[in-house]
Amino acid sequence: MQNSKKQPEFLIKKLKMKTIFSTLKCYFTTLFFSTLLSIVILGCEQKQTNNTNNFSTGQAGDTITVRTYKHDKGWGYEVLIGKKVFIKQECVPAVDGSNGFSTEEKAYKTACLVAEKLSEGNSFPSVTIEELDSLGVLKPN
């Protein structure tokens, strides 16, 4: 009689263990796919921002960030203060016409110059042809 009573208890414990393992398997599978999805999303976000650099404004909490981007007339850049776009430049400054920068590197160098001027306290930075020339922005590819 004791054997028959122990057998159902053993089956119940075995069934509970299967349920626990099944639940754990479900949790770990969900965790794995959530982590994988997060990695994919973060990877996509990094591709959207081609080139960034941070500069300090000297004011508490404000950071100057530069970003480059591709558009239909070439390359442009944005200068952000904090999280707000302060300057959006689609064409080469100080040059006649509305063509964008020919390369991402040229847009990035110019954006860094503008951000540096902002970080030094120049509220409305301008770029001269001489500065663009010294950066190599005006040279043909």
N, C-alpha and C. Protein backbone atom coordinates (compact mmCIF):
# COMPACT_ATOMS: atom_id res chain seq x y z
N MET A 1 0.81 -1.19 0.00
CA MET A 1 0.00 0.00 0.00
C MET A 1 0.85 1.26 0.00
N GLN A 2 1.95 1.22 0.71
CA GLN A 2 2.81 2.39 0.76
C GLN A 2 3.41 2.68 -0.61
N ASN A 3 3.74 1.65 -1.36
CA ASN A 3 4.29 1.84 -2.70
C ASN A 3 3.31 2.56 -3.61
N SER A 4 2.05 2.18 -3.57
CA SER A 4 1.06 2.81 -4.44
C SER A 4 0.81 4.26 -4.04
N LYS A 5 0.97 4.56 -2.75
CA LYS A 5 0.78 5.93 -2.29
C LYS A 5 1.98 6.79 -2.69
N LYS A 6 3.19 6.22 -2.65
CA LYS A 6 4.39 6.97 -3.02
C LYS A 6 4.44 7.21 -4.53
N GLN A 7 3.96 6.30 -5.28
CA GLN A 7 4.03 6.44 -6.74
C GLN A 7 3.27 7.68 -7.23
N PRO A 8 2.04 7.95 -6.81
CA PRO A 8 1.37 9.17 -7.26
C PRO A 8 2.11 10.43 -6.80
N GLU A 9 2.67 10.42 -5.56
CA GLU A 9 3.41 11.58 -5.08
C GLU A 9 4.64 11.81 -5.96
N PHE A 10 5.30 10.72 -6.33
CA PHE A 10 6.48 10.82 -7.19
C PHE A 10 6.09 11.40 -8.57
N LEU A 11 4.97 10.95 -9.11
CA LEU A 11 4.50 11.45 -10.40
C LEU A 11 4.13 12.93 -10.31
N ILE A 12 3.53 13.31 -9.19
CA ILE A 12 3.16 14.72 -9.00
C ILE A 12 4.42 15.58 -8.95
N LYS A 13 5.45 15.14 -8.20
CA LYS A 13 6.71 15.89 -8.12
C LYS A 13 7.37 15.96 -9.48
N LYS A 14 7.34 14.86 -10.22
CA LYS A 14 7.94 14.84 -11.56
C LYS A 14 7.21 15.81 -12.48
N LEU A 15 5.89 15.84 -12.40
CA LEU A 15 5.09 16.74 -13.21
C LEU A 15 5.37 18.20 -12.85
N LYS A 16 5.54 18.49 -11.54
CA LYS A 16 5.87 19.85 -11.11
C LYS A 16 7.24 20.27 -11.65
N MET A 17 8.20 19.36 -11.64
CA MET A 17 9.54 19.67 -12.15
C MET A 17 9.49 19.98 -13.65
N LYS A 18 8.69 19.20 -14.39
CA LYS A 18 8.54 19.46 -15.82
C LYS A 18 7.94 20.84 -16.05
N THR A 19 6.96 21.20 -15.24
CA THR A 19 6.32 22.51 -15.37
C THR A 19 7.32 23.62 -15.06
N ILE A 20 8.14 23.44 -14.02
CA ILE A 20 9.14 24.45 -13.67
C ILE A 20 10.16 24.59 -14.79
N PHE A 21 10.66 23.48 -15.31
CA PHE A 21 11.64 23.53 -16.40
C PHE A 21 11.04 24.15 -17.65
N SER A 22 9.79 23.85 -17.92
CA SER A 22 9.12 24.43 -19.08
C SER A 22 8.98 25.94 -18.92
N THR A 23 8.64 26.40 -17.73
CA THR A 23 8.51 27.83 -17.45
C THR A 23 9.87 28.51 -17.57
N LEU A 24 10.91 27.92 -17.01
CA LEU A 24 12.26 28.48 -17.11
C LEU A 24 12.72 28.57 -18.56
N LYS A 25 12.43 27.53 -19.32
CA LYS A 25 12.80 27.52 -20.73
C LYS A 25 12.12 28.67 -21.46
N CYS A 26 10.87 28.91 -21.14
CA CYS A 26 10.12 30.01 -21.75
C CYS A 26 10.74 31.36 -21.37
N TYR A 27 11.08 31.53 -20.09
CA TYR A 27 11.70 32.78 -19.65
C TYR A 27 13.04 33.02 -20.34
N PHE A 28 13.88 32.00 -20.40
CA PHE A 28 15.20 32.16 -21.02
C PHE A 28 15.09 32.40 -22.52
N THR A 29 14.13 31.77 -23.17
CA THR A 29 13.92 32.01 -24.59
C THR A 29 13.48 33.45 -24.83
N THR A 30 12.57 33.94 -24.00
CA THR A 30 12.12 35.33 -24.11
C THR A 30 13.27 36.29 -23.86
N LEU A 31 14.06 36.02 -22.83
CA LEU A 31 15.22 36.86 -22.51
C LEU A 31 16.22 36.88 -23.66
N PHE A 32 16.48 35.72 -24.24
CA PHE A 32 17.42 35.62 -25.36
C PHE A 32 16.96 36.46 -26.55
N PHE A 33 15.70 36.31 -26.94
CA PHE A 33 15.20 37.03 -28.10
C PHE A 33 15.06 38.53 -27.82
N SER A 34 14.74 38.91 -26.59
CA SER A 34 14.69 40.33 -26.23
C SER A 34 16.07 40.96 -26.33
N THR A 35 17.09 40.25 -25.85
CA THR A 35 18.46 40.74 -25.93
C THR A 35 18.89 40.86 -27.39
N LEU A 36 18.59 39.86 -28.18
CA LEU A 36 18.93 39.87 -29.60
C LEU A 36 18.25 41.04 -30.31
N LEU A 37 16.99 41.28 -30.02
CA LEU A 37 16.25 42.39 -30.62
C LEU A 37 16.86 43.73 -30.21
N SER A 38 17.26 43.86 -28.96
CA SER A 38 17.89 45.10 -28.49
C SER A 38 19.19 45.37 -29.23
N ILE A 39 19.98 44.34 -29.43
CA ILE A 39 21.25 44.49 -30.14
C ILE A 39 21.00 44.94 -31.58
N VAL A 40 20.01 44.36 -32.22
CA VAL A 40 19.68 44.74 -33.61
C VAL A 40 19.22 46.19 -33.67
N ILE A 41 18.36 46.60 -32.73
CA ILE A 41 17.86 47.97 -32.72
C ILE A 41 18.99 48.95 -32.48
N LEU A 42 19.85 48.66 -31.52
CA LEU A 42 20.98 49.56 -31.26
C LEU A 42 21.91 49.64 -32.46
N GLY A 43 22.11 48.55 -33.14
CA GLY A 43 22.94 48.55 -34.33
C GLY A 43 22.35 49.43 -35.43
N CYS A 44 21.05 49.40 -35.59
CA CYS A 44 20.39 50.24 -36.59
C CYS A 44 20.50 51.71 -36.22
N GLU A 45 20.36 52.04 -34.95
CA GLU A 45 20.47 53.44 -34.53
C GLU A 45 21.86 53.98 -34.80
N GLN A 46 22.88 53.18 -34.60
CA GLN A 46 24.24 53.64 -34.83
C GLN A 46 24.50 53.89 -36.30
N LYS A 47 23.84 53.16 -37.19
CA LYS A 47 24.03 53.38 -38.62
C LYS A 47 23.40 54.68 -39.07
N GLN A 48 22.33 55.12 -38.41
CA GLN A 48 21.67 56.36 -38.80
C GLN A 48 22.53 57.57 -38.48
N THR A 49 23.29 57.54 -37.43
CA THR A 49 24.18 58.63 -37.06
C THR A 49 25.56 58.29 -37.59
N ASN A 50 25.94 58.93 -38.68
CA ASN A 50 27.17 58.58 -39.36
C ASN A 50 28.42 58.97 -38.59
N ASN A 51 28.47 60.19 -38.12
CA ASN A 51 29.68 60.70 -37.51
C ASN A 51 29.28 61.67 -36.41
N THR A 52 29.71 61.46 -35.19
CA THR A 52 29.36 62.36 -34.11
C THR A 52 30.60 62.68 -33.30
N ASN A 53 30.55 63.83 -32.66
CA ASN A 53 31.61 64.23 -31.75
C ASN A 53 31.00 65.18 -30.74
N ASN A 54 31.48 65.16 -29.51
CA ASN A 54 30.94 66.01 -28.47
C ASN A 54 31.94 67.07 -28.05
N PHE A 55 31.45 68.27 -27.79
CA PHE A 55 32.24 69.38 -27.30
C PHE A 55 31.53 69.94 -26.08
N SER A 56 32.27 70.47 -25.14
CA SER A 56 31.67 71.07 -23.96
C SER A 56 31.45 72.55 -24.20
N THR A 57 30.30 73.06 -23.76
CA THR A 57 30.01 74.49 -23.92
C THR A 57 30.51 75.29 -22.74
N GLY A 58 30.92 74.61 -21.69
CA GLY A 58 31.33 75.31 -20.49
C GLY A 58 30.15 75.60 -19.59
N GLN A 59 28.93 75.39 -20.06
CA GLN A 59 27.74 75.57 -19.25
C GLN A 59 27.30 74.21 -18.73
N ALA A 60 26.79 74.20 -17.52
CA ALA A 60 26.41 72.94 -16.89
C ALA A 60 25.35 72.22 -17.70
N GLY A 61 25.61 70.98 -18.03
CA GLY A 61 24.62 70.13 -18.68
C GLY A 61 24.50 70.26 -20.18
N ASP A 62 25.07 71.29 -20.78
CA ASP A 62 24.96 71.45 -22.23
C ASP A 62 26.18 70.87 -22.93
N THR A 63 25.93 70.01 -23.87
CA THR A 63 26.99 69.42 -24.66
C THR A 63 26.71 69.76 -26.12
N ILE A 64 27.76 70.08 -26.84
CA ILE A 64 27.63 70.34 -28.27
C ILE A 64 27.99 69.06 -28.99
N THR A 65 27.10 68.62 -29.86
CA THR A 65 27.31 67.39 -30.62
C THR A 65 27.21 67.71 -32.10
N VAL A 66 28.08 67.11 -32.91
CA VAL A 66 27.99 67.28 -34.36
C VAL A 66 27.62 65.95 -34.99
N ARG A 67 26.80 66.02 -36.03
CA ARG A 67 26.38 64.83 -36.78
C ARG A 67 26.46 65.15 -38.26
N THR A 68 26.90 64.20 -39.04
CA THR A 68 26.89 64.33 -40.49
C THR A 68 25.75 63.49 -41.05
N TYR A 69 25.27 63.87 -42.22
CA TYR A 69 24.21 63.10 -42.87
C TYR A 69 24.29 63.30 -44.38
N LYS A 70 23.79 62.34 -45.10
CA LYS A 70 23.77 62.35 -46.56
C LYS A 70 22.41 62.88 -47.02
N HIS A 71 22.43 63.74 -48.04
CA HIS A 71 21.19 64.22 -48.64
C HIS A 71 21.36 64.24 -50.16
N ASP A 72 20.35 64.70 -50.87
CA ASP A 72 20.35 64.57 -52.33
C ASP A 72 21.41 65.43 -53.04
N LYS A 73 21.98 66.44 -52.37
CA LYS A 73 23.00 67.27 -53.00
C LYS A 73 24.40 67.06 -52.42
N GLY A 74 24.56 66.02 -51.63
CA GLY A 74 25.87 65.72 -51.04
C GLY A 74 25.75 65.43 -49.55
N TRP A 75 26.71 65.94 -48.79
CA TRP A 75 26.75 65.73 -47.35
C TRP A 75 26.46 67.04 -46.62
N GLY A 76 25.84 66.93 -45.46
CA GLY A 76 25.58 68.08 -44.62
C GLY A 76 25.92 67.74 -43.18
N TYR A 77 25.71 68.70 -42.29
CA TYR A 77 25.95 68.44 -40.88
C TYR A 77 24.94 69.19 -40.02
N GLU A 78 24.81 68.69 -38.80
CA GLU A 78 24.00 69.34 -37.79
C GLU A 78 24.87 69.57 -36.56
N VAL A 79 24.65 70.68 -35.89
CA VAL A 79 25.29 70.96 -34.61
C VAL A 79 24.17 71.05 -33.59
N LEU A 80 24.24 70.22 -32.58
CA LEU A 80 23.21 70.18 -31.54
C LEU A 80 23.77 70.75 -30.25
N ILE A 81 22.96 71.49 -29.54
CA ILE A 81 23.30 71.91 -28.18
C ILE A 81 22.31 71.20 -27.28
N GLY A 82 22.85 70.37 -26.42
CA GLY A 82 21.99 69.46 -25.66
C GLY A 82 21.40 68.47 -26.64
N LYS A 83 20.09 68.42 -26.71
CA LYS A 83 19.43 67.51 -27.65
C LYS A 83 18.74 68.25 -28.79
N LYS A 84 18.91 69.58 -28.83
CA LYS A 84 18.23 70.39 -29.85
C LYS A 84 19.19 70.78 -30.96
N VAL A 85 18.69 70.68 -32.19
CA VAL A 85 19.48 71.09 -33.35
C VAL A 85 19.61 72.61 -33.32
N PHE A 86 20.86 73.09 -33.28
CA PHE A 86 21.14 74.53 -33.27
C PHE A 86 21.48 75.01 -34.67
N ILE A 87 22.24 74.21 -35.41
CA ILE A 87 22.62 74.55 -36.79
C ILE A 87 22.40 73.32 -37.66
N LYS A 88 21.73 73.53 -38.81
CA LYS A 88 21.59 72.48 -39.82
C LYS A 88 22.15 73.06 -41.11
N GLN A 89 23.24 72.49 -41.58
CA GLN A 89 23.96 73.04 -42.73
C GLN A 89 23.98 72.00 -43.85
N GLU A 90 23.22 72.25 -44.91
CA GLU A 90 23.17 71.32 -46.04
C GLU A 90 24.16 71.69 -47.14
N CYS A 91 24.57 72.97 -47.19
CA CYS A 91 25.49 73.39 -48.25
C CYS A 91 26.79 73.89 -47.63
N VAL A 92 27.82 73.97 -48.45
CA VAL A 92 29.13 74.42 -47.97
C VAL A 92 29.02 75.91 -47.65
N PRO A 93 29.33 76.32 -46.40
CA PRO A 93 29.22 77.73 -46.05
C PRO A 93 30.33 78.56 -46.73
N ALA A 94 30.06 79.85 -46.91
CA ALA A 94 31.03 80.81 -47.47
C ALA A 94 31.32 80.58 -48.95
N VAL A 95 30.60 79.67 -49.58
CA VAL A 95 30.82 79.35 -50.99
C VAL A 95 29.51 79.57 -51.73
N ASP A 96 29.58 80.16 -52.92
CA ASP A 96 28.37 80.38 -53.71
C ASP A 96 27.77 79.04 -54.12
N GLY A 97 26.46 79.01 -54.22
CA GLY A 97 25.77 77.80 -54.64
C GLY A 97 25.11 77.09 -53.48
N SER A 98 24.43 76.02 -53.82
CA SER A 98 23.72 75.26 -52.78
C SER A 98 24.13 73.79 -52.76
N ASN A 99 25.35 73.53 -53.22
CA ASN A 99 25.83 72.14 -53.20
C ASN A 99 26.26 71.75 -51.80
N GLY A 100 26.01 70.49 -51.49
CA GLY A 100 26.47 69.96 -50.21
C GLY A 100 27.95 69.65 -50.28
N PHE A 101 28.49 69.19 -49.16
CA PHE A 101 29.89 68.77 -49.11
C PHE A 101 30.06 67.52 -49.97
N SER A 102 31.22 67.42 -50.61
CA SER A 102 31.44 66.28 -51.51
C SER A 102 31.71 64.98 -50.76
N THR A 103 32.20 65.07 -49.53
CA THR A 103 32.45 63.86 -48.74
C THR A 103 31.96 64.08 -47.31
N GLU A 104 31.74 62.99 -46.64
CA GLU A 104 31.35 63.05 -45.23
C GLU A 104 32.46 63.66 -44.39
N GLU A 105 33.69 63.33 -44.71
CA GLU A 105 34.84 63.84 -43.95
C GLU A 105 34.90 65.37 -44.00
N LYS A 106 34.64 65.96 -45.16
CA LYS A 106 34.67 67.42 -45.29
C LYS A 106 33.56 68.07 -44.48
N ALA A 107 32.38 67.47 -44.49
CA ALA A 107 31.27 67.99 -43.68
C ALA A 107 31.61 67.88 -42.20
N TYR A 108 32.21 66.78 -41.83
CA TYR A 108 32.56 66.54 -40.42
C TYR A 108 33.62 67.54 -39.94
N LYS A 109 34.65 67.77 -40.74
CA LYS A 109 35.70 68.73 -40.35
C LYS A 109 35.11 70.12 -40.15
N THR A 110 34.22 70.53 -41.05
CA THR A 110 33.60 71.85 -40.94
C THR A 110 32.70 71.92 -39.71
N ALA A 111 31.95 70.88 -39.47
CA ALA A 111 31.07 70.84 -38.29
C ALA A 111 31.88 70.94 -37.00
N CYS A 112 33.00 70.26 -36.96
CA CYS A 112 33.85 70.32 -35.77
C CYS A 112 34.41 71.73 -35.56
N LEU A 113 34.77 72.41 -36.64
CA LEU A 113 35.25 73.79 -36.54
C LEU A 113 34.15 74.69 -35.95
N VAL A 114 32.93 74.55 -36.45
CA VAL A 114 31.80 75.34 -35.97
C VAL A 114 31.54 75.03 -34.49
N ALA A 115 31.56 73.76 -34.13
CA ALA A 115 31.32 73.36 -32.74
C ALA A 115 32.41 73.90 -31.82
N GLU A 116 33.63 73.91 -32.29
CA GLU A 116 34.74 74.44 -31.50
C GLU A 116 34.53 75.93 -31.25
N LYS A 117 34.09 76.66 -32.27
CA LYS A 117 33.82 78.09 -32.11
C LYS A 117 32.68 78.32 -31.11
N LEU A 118 31.65 77.47 -31.18
CA LEU A 118 30.56 77.58 -30.22
C LEU A 118 31.05 77.32 -28.80
N SER A 119 31.90 76.31 -28.64
CA SER A 119 32.39 75.97 -27.30
C SER A 119 33.29 77.06 -26.73
N GLU A 120 33.86 77.90 -27.60
CA GLU A 120 34.70 79.02 -27.15
C GLU A 120 33.86 80.25 -26.84
N GLY A 121 32.54 80.16 -27.01
CA GLY A 121 31.66 81.26 -26.64
C GLY A 121 31.13 82.07 -27.80
N ASN A 122 31.46 81.72 -29.02
CA ASN A 122 30.95 82.44 -30.19
C ASN A 122 29.52 81.95 -30.47
N SER A 123 28.54 82.80 -30.17
CA SER A 123 27.13 82.40 -30.28
C SER A 123 26.67 82.19 -31.72
N PHE A 124 27.28 82.94 -32.66
CA PHE A 124 26.90 82.83 -34.07
C PHE A 124 28.16 82.63 -34.89
N PRO A 125 28.68 81.40 -34.89
CA PRO A 125 29.96 81.16 -35.57
C PRO A 125 29.83 81.25 -37.08
N SER A 126 30.82 81.84 -37.70
CA SER A 126 30.87 81.87 -39.16
C SER A 126 32.14 81.17 -39.62
N VAL A 127 32.12 80.73 -40.86
CA VAL A 127 33.26 80.01 -41.43
C VAL A 127 33.72 80.79 -42.66
N THR A 128 35.03 81.00 -42.75
CA THR A 128 35.57 81.75 -43.90
C THR A 128 36.11 80.78 -44.95
N ILE A 129 36.30 81.30 -46.14
CA ILE A 129 36.89 80.50 -47.22
C ILE A 129 38.28 80.04 -46.83
N GLU A 130 39.03 80.91 -46.15
CA GLU A 130 40.39 80.56 -45.72
C GLU A 130 40.37 79.37 -44.75
N GLU A 131 39.41 79.35 -43.84
CA GLU A 131 39.30 78.23 -42.90
C GLU A 131 38.94 76.94 -43.62
N LEU A 132 38.01 77.04 -44.56
CA LEU A 132 37.63 75.85 -45.33
C LEU A 132 38.82 75.33 -46.14
N ASP A 133 39.59 76.25 -46.69
CA ASP A 133 40.76 75.86 -47.46
C ASP A 133 41.79 75.19 -46.56
N SER A 134 42.01 75.73 -45.36
CA SER A 134 42.99 75.13 -44.45
C SER A 134 42.55 73.75 -43.97
N LEU A 135 41.25 73.49 -43.95
CA LEU A 135 40.74 72.17 -43.57
C LEU A 135 40.78 71.18 -44.73
N GLY A 136 41.01 71.70 -45.94
CA GLY A 136 41.02 70.83 -47.12
C GLY A 136 39.64 70.60 -47.70
N VAL A 137 38.67 71.38 -47.26
CA VAL A 137 37.29 71.20 -47.70
C VAL A 137 37.10 71.64 -49.15
N LEU A 138 37.86 72.65 -49.59
CA LEU A 138 37.68 73.18 -50.93
C LEU A 138 38.46 72.42 -51.99
N LYS A 139 39.35 71.53 -51.56
CA LYS A 139 40.14 70.76 -52.52
C LYS A 139 39.25 69.72 -53.20
N PRO A 140 39.47 69.50 -54.49
CA PRO A 140 38.69 68.45 -55.18
C PRO A 140 39.04 67.08 -54.61
N ASN A 141 38.11 66.16 -54.76
CA ASN A 141 38.32 64.81 -54.22
C ASN A 141 39.49 64.22 -54.90
